[in-house]
PDB file of N, CA and C in Angstrom:
ATOM      1  N   MET A   1     -16.182  16.896  -8.653  1.00  0.00           N
ATOM      2  CA  MET A   1     -16.619  15.739  -9.205  1.00  0.00           C
ATOM      3  C   MET A   1     -16.402  14.461  -9.027  1.00  0.00           C
ATOM      4  N   PRO A   2     -17.979  13.893  -9.261  1.00  0.00           N
ATOM      5  CA  PRO A   2     -17.629  12.413  -8.232  1.00  0.00           C
ATOM      6  C   PRO A   2     -16.714  11.503  -9.494  1.00  0.00           C
ATOM      7  N   ARG A   3     -16.352  10.266  -9.062  1.00  0.00           N
ATOM      8  CA  ARG A   3     -15.560   9.703  -9.677  1.00  0.00           C
ATOM      9  C   ARG A   3     -16.545   8.350 -10.465  1.00  0.00           C
ATOM     10  N   VAL A   4     -15.461   8.396 -11.931  1.00  0.00           N
ATOM     11  CA  VAL A   4     -16.767   7.249 -12.589  1.00  0.00           C
ATOM     12  C   VAL A   4     -15.573   6.325 -12.439  1.00  0.00           C
ATOM     13  N   LEU A   5     -16.796   4.823 -12.380  1.00  0.00           N
ATOM     14  CA  LEU A   5     -16.156   3.859 -12.228  1.00  0.00           C
ATOM     15  C   LEU A   5     -14.947   3.471 -13.678  1.00  0.00           C
ATOM     16  N   ILE A   6     -15.348   3.895 -14.664  1.00  0.00           N
ATOM     17  CA  ILE A   6     -14.398   3.436 -15.789  1.00  0.00           C
ATOM     18  C   ILE A   6     -13.260   3.254 -15.362  1.00  0.00           C
ATOM     19  N   LYS A   7     -12.855   4.664 -14.877  1.00  0.00           N
ATOM     20  CA  LYS A   7     -11.920   5.209 -14.702  1.00  0.00           C
ATOM     21  C   LYS A   7     -10.761   4.277 -13.299  1.00  0.00           C
ATOM     22  N   LYS A   8     -11.625   3.488 -12.779  1.00  0.00           N
ATOM     23  CA  LYS A   8     -11.014   3.316 -11.162  1.00  0.00           C
ATOM     24  C   LYS A   8     -10.078   2.979 -11.727  1.00  0.00           C
ATOM     25  N   ARG A   9      -9.670   2.361 -12.142  1.00  0.00           N
ATOM     26  CA  ARG A   9      -7.756   1.881 -12.493  1.00  0.00           C
ATOM     27  C   ARG A   9      -6.932   3.309 -12.595  1.00  0.00           C
ATOM     28  N   ASP A  10      -7.024   4.265 -13.054  1.00  0.00           N
ATOM     29  CA  ASP A  10      -6.285   5.117 -13.327  1.00  0.00           C
ATOM     30  C   ASP A  10      -6.444   6.067 -12.179  1.00  0.00           C
ATOM     31  N   TYR A  11      -7.443   6.200 -11.001  1.00  0.00           N
ATOM     32  CA  TYR A  11      -7.210   6.542  -9.786  1.00  0.00           C
ATOM     33  C   TYR A  11      -6.522   6.559  -9.106  1.00  0.00           C
ATOM     34  N   LEU A  12      -6.758   4.696  -8.878  1.00  0.00           N
ATOM     35  CA  LEU A  12      -5.765   3.580  -8.051  1.00  0.00           C
ATOM     36  C   LEU A  12      -4.277   4.140  -8.436  1.00  0.00           C
ATOM     37  N   ILE A  13      -4.034   4.138  -9.904  1.00  0.00           N
ATOM     38  CA  ILE A  13      -2.834   4.811  -9.878  1.00  0.00           C
ATOM     39  C   ILE A  13      -2.416   5.813  -9.492  1.00  0.00           C
ATOM     40  N   THR A  14      -2.818   6.942  -9.451  1.00  0.00           N
ATOM     41  CA  THR A  14      -2.888   8.614  -8.979  1.00  0.00           C
ATOM     42  C   THR A  14      -2.595   8.687  -7.279  1.00  0.00           C
ATOM     43  N   ASP A  15      -4.118   7.587  -6.927  1.00  0.00           N
ATOM     44  CA  ASP A  15      -3.580   7.866  -5.347  1.00  0.00           C
ATOM     45  C   ASP A  15      -2.531   7.107  -4.716  1.00  0.00           C
ATOM     46  N   PHE A  16      -2.054   6.617  -5.393  1.00  0.00           N
ATOM     47  CA  PHE A  16      -0.664   5.619  -5.420  1.00  0.00           C
ATOM     48  C   PHE A  16       0.086   6.340  -5.466  1.00  0.00           C
ATOM     49  N   ALA A  17       0.750   7.016  -6.379  1.00  0.00           N
ATOM     50  CA  ALA A  17       1.885   7.826  -6.016  1.00  0.00           C
ATOM     51  C   ALA A  17       1.337   9.259  -5.907  1.00  0.00           C
ATOM     52  N   ARG A  18       0.347   9.730  -5.264  1.00  0.00           N
ATOM     53  CA  ARG A  18      -0.154  11.255  -3.805  1.00  0.00           C
ATOM     54  C   ARG A  18       0.365  10.958  -2.782  1.00  0.00           C
ATOM     55  N   TRP A  19      -0.053   9.170  -2.831  1.00  0.00           N
ATOM     56  CA  TRP A  19       0.070   8.920  -1.385  1.00  0.00           C
ATOM     57  C   TRP A  19       2.065   8.530  -0.917  1.00  0.00           C
ATOM     58  N   LEU A  20       2.632   8.351  -2.483  1.00  0.00           N
ATOM     59  CA  LEU A  20       3.754   7.587  -2.139  1.00  0.00           C
ATOM     60  C   LEU A  20       4.770   9.159  -1.841  1.00  0.00           C
ATOM     61  N   VAL A  21       4.738  10.084  -2.687  1.00  0.00           N
ATOM     62  CA  VAL A  21       5.225  11.685  -2.510  1.00  0.00           C
ATOM     63  C   VAL A  21       4.672  11.748  -1.061  1.00  0.00           C
ATOM     64  N   GLY A  22       3.557  12.150  -0.330  1.00  0.00           N
ATOM     65  CA  GLY A  22       3.371  12.447   0.418  1.00  0.00           C
ATOM     66  C   GLY A  22       4.117  11.377   1.670  1.00  0.00           C
ATOM     67  N   LYS A  23       3.867  10.556   1.482  1.00  0.00           N
ATOM     68  CA  LYS A  23       5.107   9.639   2.641  1.00  0.00           C
ATOM     69  C   LYS A  23       6.582  10.018   2.218  1.00  0.00           C
ATOM     70  N   MET A  24       7.363  10.139   1.550  1.00  0.00           N
ATOM     71  CA  MET A  24       8.488  10.623   0.423  1.00  0.00           C
ATOM     72  C   MET A  24       8.639  11.904   1.515  1.00  0.00           C
ATOM     73  N   ARG A  25       7.910  12.628   1.369  1.00  0.00           N
ATOM     74  CA  ARG A  25       7.680  13.869   2.660  1.00  0.00           C
ATOM     75  C   ARG A  25       8.196  13.561   3.634  1.00  0.00           C
ATOM     76  N   GLU A  26       7.457  13.044   4.298  1.00  0.00           N
ATOM     77  CA  GLU A  26       7.020  12.922   5.880  1.00  0.00           C
ATOM     78  C   GLU A  26       8.373  12.449   6.257  1.00  0.00           C
ATOM     79  N   LYS A  27       8.799  11.313   5.388  1.00  0.00           N
ATOM     80  CA  LYS A  27      10.359  10.143   6.107  1.00  0.00           C
ATOM     81  C   LYS A  27      11.497  10.711   5.051  1.00  0.00           C
ATOM     82  N   ARG A  28      11.092  12.858   4.250  1.00  0.00           N
ATOM     83  CA  ARG A  28      12.708  12.991   3.810  1.00  0.00           C
ATOM     84  C   ARG A  28      13.087  12.350   2.604  1.00  0.00           C
ATOM     85  N   LEU A  29      12.412  11.419   2.015  1.00  0.00           N
ATOM     86  CA  LEU A  29      13.511  11.027   1.055  1.00  0.00           C
ATOM     87  C   LEU A  29      13.029  11.037   0.161  1.00  0.00           C
ATOM     88  N   TYR A  30      14.091  11.596  -1.376  1.00  0.00           N
ATOM     89  CA  TYR A  30      14.266  11.370  -2.699  1.00  0.00           C
ATOM     90  C   TYR A  30      14.157  10.370  -3.264  1.00  0.00           C
ATOM     91  N   GLN A  31      13.701  10.764  -4.275  1.00  0.00           N
ATOM     92  CA  GLN A  31      13.062   9.634  -5.731  1.00  0.00           C
ATOM     93  C   GLN A  31      14.092   8.547  -5.795  1.00  0.00           C
ATOM     94  N   ALA A  32      15.312   8.801  -5.374  1.00  0.00           N
ATOM     95  CA  ALA A  32      17.014   8.320  -5.701  1.00  0.00           C
ATOM     96  C   ALA A  32      16.526   7.136  -4.306  1.00  0.00           C
ATOM     97  N   ASP A  33      16.652   7.427  -3.002  1.00  0.00           N
ATOM     98  CA  ASP A  33      16.530   6.717  -2.094  1.00  0.00           C
ATOM     99  C   ASP A  33      15.346   5.603  -2.712  1.00  0.00           C
ATOM    100  N   ILE A  34      13.329   5.795  -2.996  1.00  0.00           N
ATOM    101  CA  ILE A  34      13.250   4.772  -3.185  1.00  0.00           C
ATOM    102  C   ILE A  34      13.118   4.155  -4.787  1.00  0.00           C
ATOM    103  N   GLY A  35      13.931   4.253  -5.678  1.00  0.00           N
ATOM    104  CA  GLY A  35      14.835   3.835  -6.288  1.00  0.00           C
ATOM    105  C   GLY A  35      15.927   3.083  -5.949  1.00  0.00           C
ATOM    106  N   GLU A  36      16.481   3.259  -5.071  1.00  0.00           N
ATOM    107  CA  GLU A  36      17.354   1.744  -4.243  1.00  0.00           C
ATOM    108  C   GLU A  36      16.736   1.674  -3.813  1.00  0.00           C
ATOM    109  N   ILE A  37      15.483   0.966  -2.989  1.00  0.00           N
ATOM    110  CA  ILE A  37      14.518   0.675  -2.517  1.00  0.00           C
ATOM    111  C   ILE A  37      14.433  -0.491  -3.235  1.00  0.00           C
ATOM    112  N   LEU A  38      13.618  -0.295  -4.534  1.00  0.00           N
ATOM    113  CA  LEU A  38      13.055  -0.756  -4.882  1.00  0.00           C
ATOM    114  C   LEU A  38      13.988  -1.722  -6.736  1.00  0.00           C
ATOM    115  N   GLY A  39      15.210  -0.806  -6.265  1.00  0.00           N
ATOM    116  CA  GLY A  39      16.289  -2.204  -7.328  1.00  0.00           C
ATOM    117  C   GLY A  39      15.758  -1.066  -8.790  1.00  0.00           C
ATOM    118  N   VAL A  40      15.620  -0.060  -8.437  1.00  0.00           N
ATOM    119  CA  VAL A  40      15.848   0.589 -10.265  1.00  0.00           C
ATOM    120  C   VAL A  40      16.162   1.436  -9.745  1.00  0.00           C
ATOM    121  N   SER A  41      15.992   2.873 -11.064  1.00  0.00           N
ATOM    122  CA  SER A  41      16.490   3.816 -11.324  1.00  0.00           C
ATOM    123  C   SER A  41      15.718   4.860 -10.438  1.00  0.00           C
ATOM    124  N   GLN A  42      16.585   6.693  -9.829  1.00  0.00           N
ATOM    125  CA  GLN A  42      15.948   7.470 -10.216  1.00  0.00           C
ATOM    126  C   GLN A  42      14.732   8.077 -11.229  1.00  0.00           C
ATOM    127  N   GLN A  43      15.074   7.787 -12.214  1.00  0.00           N
ATOM    128  CA  GLN A  43      14.683   7.980 -13.422  1.00  0.00           C
ATOM    129  C   GLN A  43      13.344   7.558 -13.535  1.00  0.00           C
ATOM    130  N   SER A  44      12.725   6.023 -13.387  1.00  0.00           N
ATOM    131  CA  SER A  44      12.251   5.023 -13.008  1.00  0.00           C
ATOM    132  C   SER A  44      11.247   5.262 -12.146  1.00  0.00           C
ATOM    133  N   VAL A  45      11.711   5.669 -10.844  1.00  0.00           N
ATOM    134  CA  VAL A  45      10.543   6.732  -9.580  1.00  0.00           C
ATOM    135  C   VAL A  45      10.346   7.531 -10.614  1.00  0.00           C
ATOM    136  N   SER A  46      10.523   8.119 -10.896  1.00  0.00           N
ATOM    137  CA  SER A  46       9.941   9.402 -11.222  1.00  0.00           C
ATOM    138  C   SER A  46       8.977   9.394 -12.646  1.00  0.00           C
ATOM    139  N   ARG A  47       9.559   8.981 -13.404  1.00  0.00           N
ATOM    140  CA  ARG A  47       8.165   8.106 -14.310  1.00  0.00           C
ATOM    141  C   ARG A  47       6.826   7.576 -14.228  1.00  0.00           C
ATOM    142  N   ARG A  48       7.170   7.003 -12.465  1.00  0.00           N
ATOM    143  CA  ARG A  48       5.572   6.018 -12.511  1.00  0.00           C
ATOM    144  C   ARG A  48       5.287   6.822 -11.376  1.00  0.00           C
ATOM    145  N   ILE A  49       5.889   8.272 -11.158  1.00  0.00           N
ATOM    146  CA  ILE A  49       5.178   8.938 -10.134  1.00  0.00           C
ATOM    147  C   ILE A  49       3.939   9.738 -10.965  1.00  0.00           C
ATOM    148  N   SER A  50       4.905  10.376 -12.133  1.00  0.00           N
ATOM    149  CA  SER A  50       4.811  11.299 -12.430  1.00  0.00           C
ATOM    150  C   SER A  50       3.394  11.302 -13.896  1.00  0.00           C
ATOM    151  N   GLU A  51       3.859  10.016 -14.301  1.00  0.00           N
ATOM    152  CA  GLU A  51       3.292   9.987 -15.843  1.00  0.00           C
ATOM    153  C   GLU A  51       2.235   8.045 -15.452  1.00  0.00           C
ATOM    154  N   GLY A  52       2.798   7.533 -14.522  1.00  0.00           N
ATOM    155  CA  GLY A  52       1.953   5.960 -14.649  1.00  0.00           C
ATOM    156  C   GLY A  52       0.506   6.069 -15.283  1.00  0.00           C
ATOM    157  N   ILE A  53       0.246   6.339 -15.768  1.00  0.00           N
ATOM    158  CA  ILE A  53      -0.421   5.911 -16.350  1.00  0.00           C
ATOM    159  C   ILE A  53      -1.033   5.071 -17.240  1.00  0.00           C
ATOM    160  N   GLU A  54       0.454   4.768 -18.439  1.00  0.00           N
ATOM    161  CA  GLU A  54       0.821   3.905 -19.400  1.00  0.00           C
ATOM    162  C   GLU A  54       1.123   2.688 -18.476  1.00  0.00           C
ATOM    163  N   GLU A  55       1.259   1.235 -18.353  1.00  0.00           N
ATOM    164  CA  GLU A  55       1.333  -0.289 -18.336  1.00  0.00           C
ATOM    165  C   GLU A  55       2.402  -0.675 -17.458  1.00  0.00           C
ATOM    166  N   LYS A  56       3.542  -0.064 -18.506  1.00  0.00           N
ATOM    167  CA  LYS A  56       4.785  -0.362 -18.213  1.00  0.00           C
ATOM    168  C   LYS A  56       5.357   0.562 -17.328  1.00  0.00           C
ATOM    169  N   ASP A  57       4.485   1.969 -16.931  1.00  0.00           N
ATOM    170  CA  ASP A  57       5.351   2.645 -16.035  1.00  0.00           C
ATOM    171  C   ASP A  57       4.523   3.235 -14.802  1.00  0.00           C
ATOM    172  N   VAL A  58       3.556   1.922 -14.337  1.00  0.00           N
ATOM    173  CA  VAL A  58       3.220   1.920 -13.236  1.00  0.00           C
ATOM    174  C   VAL A  58       4.216   0.442 -11.671  1.00  0.00           C
ATOM    175  N   PHE A  59       3.403   1.239 -10.777  1.00  0.00           N
ATOM    176  CA  PHE A  59       4.105   0.295 -10.127  1.00  0.00           C
ATOM    177  C   PHE A  59       3.542  -1.303  -9.668  1.00  0.00           C
ATOM    178  N   ARG A  60       4.662  -2.054  -9.529  1.00  0.00           N
ATOM    179  CA  ARG A  60       4.297  -3.565  -9.466  1.00  0.00           C
ATOM    180  C   ARG A  60       3.850  -4.264  -8.305  1.00  0.00           C
ATOM    181  N   GLN A  61       2.428  -4.786  -8.119  1.00  0.00           N
ATOM    182  CA  GLN A  61       2.265  -5.205  -6.878  1.00  0.00           C
ATOM    183  C   GLN A  61       3.414  -5.575  -5.711  1.00  0.00           C
ATOM    184  N   GLY A  62       4.145  -6.451  -6.158  1.00  0.00           N
ATOM    185  CA  GLY A  62       5.481  -6.493  -5.540  1.00  0.00           C
ATOM    186  C   GLY A  62       6.036  -5.259  -4.773  1.00  0.00           C
ATOM    187  N   GLU A  63       6.180  -4.027  -5.262  1.00  0.00           N
ATOM    188  CA  GLU A  63       7.092  -3.672  -5.255  1.00  0.00           C
ATOM    189  C   GLU A  63       5.711  -2.306  -4.499  1.00  0.00           C
ATOM    190  N   MET A  64       5.235  -2.420  -4.548  1.00  0.00           N
ATOM    191  CA  MET A  64       3.553  -2.243  -4.008  1.00  0.00           C
ATOM    192  C   MET A  64       4.214  -2.321  -2.190  1.00  0.00           C
ATOM    193  N   ILE A  65       4.008  -3.589  -1.933  1.00  0.00           N
ATOM    194  CA  ILE A  65       4.162  -4.051  -1.112  1.00  0.00           C
ATOM    195  C   ILE A  65       5.199  -4.014  -0.115  1.00  0.00           C
ATOM    196  N   THR A  66       6.959  -3.557  -1.214  1.00  0.00           N
ATOM    197  CA  THR A  66       7.809  -3.442  -0.789  1.00  0.00           C
ATOM    198  C   THR A  66       7.863  -2.071  -0.232  1.00  0.00           C
ATOM    199  N   LEU A  67       7.114  -0.614  -0.531  1.00  0.00           N
ATOM    200  CA  LEU A  67       7.036   0.554  -0.466  1.00  0.00           C
ATOM    201  C   LEU A  67       5.953   0.548   0.612  1.00  0.00           C
ATOM    202  N   PHE A  68       4.838  -0.731   1.207  1.00  0.00           N
ATOM    203  CA  PHE A  68       3.844  -0.139   2.208  1.00  0.00           C
ATOM    204  C   PHE A  68       4.863  -0.632   3.532  1.00  0.00           C
ATOM    205  N   LYS A  69       5.486  -1.554   3.221  1.00  0.00           N
ATOM    206  CA  LYS A  69       7.072  -2.184   4.747  1.00  0.00           C
ATOM    207  C   LYS A  69       8.124  -1.299   4.765  1.00  0.00           C
ATOM    208  N   GLU A  70       8.365  -0.749   3.408  1.00  0.00           N
ATOM    209  CA  GLU A  70       9.089   0.310   4.061  1.00  0.00           C
ATOM    210  C   GLU A  70       8.918   1.509   4.197  1.00  0.00           C
ATOM    211  N   LEU A  71       7.817   2.349   4.262  1.00  0.00           N
ATOM    212  CA  LEU A  71       7.451   3.360   4.737  1.00  0.00           C
ATOM    213  C   LEU A  71       5.798   3.334   5.478  1.00  0.00           C
ATOM    214  N   GLU A  72       6.240   1.834   5.753  1.00  0.00           N
ATOM    215  CA  GLU A  72       5.334   1.466   6.793  1.00  0.00           C
ATOM    216  C   GLU A  72       3.603   2.092   6.899  1.00  0.00           C
ATOM    217  N   ALA A  73       3.387   2.055   6.078  1.00  0.00           N
ATOM    218  CA  ALA A  73       2.120   2.295   5.927  1.00  0.00           C
ATOM    219  C   ALA A  73       0.506   1.522   6.567  1.00  0.00           C
ATOM    220  N   THR A  74      -0.410   1.803   7.444  1.00  0.00           N
ATOM    221  CA  THR A  74      -1.253   1.683   7.559  1.00  0.00           C
ATOM    222  C   THR A  74      -2.365   0.643   7.074  1.00  0.00           C
ATOM    223  N   ASP A  75      -2.417  -0.419   7.521  1.00  0.00           N
ATOM    224  CA  ASP A  75      -3.290  -0.880   6.945  1.00  0.00           C
ATOM    225  C   ASP A  75      -4.602  -0.290   6.368  1.00  0.00           C
ATOM    226  N   GLU A  76      -5.448   0.768   6.974  1.00  0.00           N
ATOM    227  CA  GLU A  76      -5.930   1.419   6.436  1.00  0.00           C
ATOM    228  C   GLU A  76      -5.556   1.976   4.431  1.00  0.00           C
ATOM    229  N   GLU A  77      -4.273   2.165   4.784  1.00  0.00           N
ATOM    230  CA  GLU A  77      -3.702   3.008   3.628  1.00  0.00           C
ATOM    231  C   GLU A  77      -3.609   1.214   2.959  1.00  0.00           C
ATOM    232  N   ILE A  78      -3.127   0.656   3.007  1.00  0.00           N
ATOM    233  CA  ILE A  78      -3.191  -0.415   2.250  1.00  0.00           C
ATOM    234  C   ILE A  78      -4.095  -1.183   1.807  1.00  0.00           C
ATOM    235  N   LEU A  79      -5.146  -1.524   2.304  1.00  0.00           N
ATOM    236  CA  LEU A  79      -6.609  -1.771   1.910  1.00  0.00           C
ATOM    237  C   LEU A  79      -7.227  -0.304   0.835  1.00  0.00           C
ATOM    238  N   ARG A  80      -6.997   1.003   1.554  1.00  0.00           N
ATOM    239  CA  ARG A  80      -7.829   1.766   0.253  1.00  0.00           C
ATOM    240  C   ARG A  80      -6.948   1.955  -0.907  1.00  0.00           C
ATOM    241  N   LEU A  81      -5.324   1.194  -0.689  1.00  0.00           N
ATOM    242  CA  LEU A  81      -4.507   1.399  -1.812  1.00  0.00           C
ATOM    243  C   LEU A  81      -4.493   0.488  -3.219  1.00  0.00           C
ATOM    244  N   MET A  82      -4.778  -0.663  -2.872  1.00  0.00           N
ATOM    245  CA  MET A  82      -5.275  -2.013  -3.287  1.00  0.00           C
ATOM    246  C   MET A  82      -6.237  -2.779  -3.525  1.00  0.00           C
ATOM    247  N   LYS A  83      -7.389  -1.459  -3.134  1.00  0.00           N
ATOM    248  CA  LYS A  83      -8.490  -2.395  -3.293  1.00  0.00           C
ATOM    249  C   LYS A  83      -9.071  -1.896  -4.655  1.00  0.00           C
ATOM    250  N   LEU A  84      -9.069  -2.690  -6.106  1.00  0.00           N
ATOM    251  CA  LEU A  84      -9.992  -3.147  -7.073  1.00  0.00           C
ATOM    252  C   LEU A  84     -11.703  -3.095  -6.806  1.00  0.00           C
TER     253      LEU A  84
END
């Protein structure tokens, strides 16, 4: 089913979470490792990955940039995941 423009923000949030989980698997990192990189708890990372639709449970732009750098995101991945 095609994506609806109205829900674009929700799609971007879930796309980022899926990308993050994939990179974590690729680099053999755990949620606790991501939490350490961001300076938050493992529980916070878990909540953001699984429930991230609520405003308080999303990765902020600065955190995303930190993760892009730490997880060696390509320019193409960054553009796809940050484009509103």
